[in-house]
Protein backbone atom coordinates (compact mmCIF):
# COMPACT_ATOMS: atom_id res chain seq x y z
CA MET A 1 424.92 243.35 5.23
CA GLU A 2 424.41 244.10 1.54
CA SER A 3 420.64 243.64 1.91
CA LEU A 4 420.52 246.14 4.73
CA ALA A 5 422.45 248.69 2.74
CA ALA A 6 420.03 248.16 -0.17
CA LEU A 7 417.05 248.70 2.10
CA SER A 8 418.54 251.97 3.23
CA THR A 9 419.27 253.05 -0.36
CA GLU A 10 415.68 252.25 -1.30
CA ASP A 11 414.41 254.38 1.56
CA ALA A 12 412.68 251.31 3.05
CA GLY A 13 411.39 251.62 6.54
CA PRO A 14 411.06 252.58 9.18
CA PHE A 15 410.10 249.16 10.35
CA ASP A 16 407.94 248.27 13.38
CA LEU A 17 409.71 244.95 14.10
CA ILE A 18 413.26 243.97 13.27
CA PHE A 19 414.35 240.36 13.87
CA ILE A 20 418.08 239.64 13.79
CA ASP A 21 419.06 235.98 13.36
CA ALA A 22 422.27 235.97 11.35
CA ASP A 23 426.01 235.45 11.89
CA LYS A 24 426.59 236.42 15.50
CA PRO A 25 429.96 238.19 15.11
CA ASN A 26 428.16 240.90 13.09
CA ASN A 27 425.49 241.58 15.72
CA PRO A 28 426.75 245.12 16.36
CA HIS A 29 426.57 245.89 12.61
CA TYR A 30 423.03 244.45 12.38
CA LEU A 31 421.95 246.47 15.37
CA SER A 32 423.47 249.62 13.94
CA TRP A 33 421.47 249.06 10.76
CA ALA A 34 418.41 248.28 12.79
CA MET A 35 418.67 251.64 14.46
CA ARG A 36 418.88 253.37 11.09
CA LEU A 37 415.80 251.47 9.84
CA SER A 38 413.73 252.01 12.99
CA ARG A 39 411.59 254.65 14.63
CA PRO A 40 410.42 255.25 18.19
CA GLY A 41 408.43 252.20 19.17
CA THR A 42 410.20 249.76 16.93
CA VAL A 43 410.86 246.38 18.58
CA ILE A 44 414.26 244.79 17.83
CA VAL A 45 414.77 241.11 18.60
CA CYS A 46 418.27 239.62 18.47
CA ASP A 47 418.14 235.82 18.55
CA ASN A 48 420.54 233.27 20.02
CA VAL A 49 422.36 235.53 22.49
CA ILE A 50 422.46 233.26 25.58
CA ARG A 51 424.76 230.70 23.90
CA ASP A 52 424.18 227.99 26.54
CA GLY A 53 425.32 230.46 29.20
CA ALA A 54 428.74 231.01 27.62
CA VAL A 55 428.22 234.79 27.51
CA LEU A 56 428.81 234.75 31.32
CA ASP A 57 431.83 232.46 31.28
CA ASP A 58 435.20 234.17 31.45
CA ASP A 59 436.65 231.54 29.14
CA GLY A 60 433.87 231.87 26.55
CA HIS A 61 435.66 233.63 23.73
CA ASP A 62 434.50 232.08 20.47
CA ALA A 63 433.25 234.51 17.79
CA ASN A 64 429.59 233.67 18.43
CA VAL A 65 429.86 234.31 22.14
CA GLU A 66 431.73 237.60 21.50
CA GLY A 67 428.96 238.61 19.05
CA ALA A 68 426.32 237.94 21.68
CA ARG A 69 428.23 239.97 24.22
CA ALA A 70 428.56 242.76 21.64
CA ALA A 71 424.80 242.77 21.15
CA PHE A 72 424.25 243.25 24.92
CA SER A 73 426.86 246.02 24.96
CA PHE A 74 425.24 247.77 22.02
CA ILE A 75 421.75 247.58 23.56
CA GLY A 76 422.99 248.61 26.99
CA SER A 77 425.01 251.59 25.74
CA ASP A 78 422.54 253.13 23.26
CA LYS A 79 420.36 255.59 25.19
CA ARG A 80 417.62 255.16 22.55
CA LEU A 81 417.17 251.49 23.50
CA ASP A 82 415.44 249.88 26.40
CA GLY A 83 416.08 246.19 26.43
CA THR A 84 416.27 242.83 28.23
CA ALA A 85 417.15 239.20 27.60
CA ILE A 86 414.86 236.23 27.78
CA GLN A 87 416.24 232.71 28.23
CA THR A 88 414.52 229.83 26.46
CA VAL A 89 414.81 226.09 27.08
CA GLY A 90 413.97 223.44 24.54
CA ALA A 91 415.08 220.27 22.78
CA LYS A 92 418.30 222.00 21.61
CA GLY A 93 419.35 223.03 25.13
CA TYR A 94 419.07 226.53 26.28
CA ASP A 95 419.54 229.83 24.57
CA GLY A 96 417.43 232.96 24.29
CA PHE A 97 417.02 236.30 22.72
CA ALA A 98 417.41 239.97 23.50
CA VAL A 99 414.52 242.27 22.89
CA ALA A 100 414.79 246.09 22.85
CA ILE A 101 412.36 248.90 22.15
CA VAL A 102 413.49 252.07 20.43
CA ASP A 103 412.60 255.17 22.50
């Protein structure tokens, strides 16, 4: 979070691509910063948001799952974003990422 504030203070950006792969409970904060550091056409990728499907389970309430849900809520509620989620499958099980484009 400190690095993002520093980028803003330094008038860095806007950026064409923003990749978020950090502590999941802070996803809404990272997305908020991403919007400040973006422009129309910026692609924002938020990694590890499928959480082995736990985002859909009613009993999935750990902080990482809640952070993933918050990312979807943020993307879905911000009129400047058009996004989707892509599920991936690999040696570590399944997860995925959300990708959104700033309008």
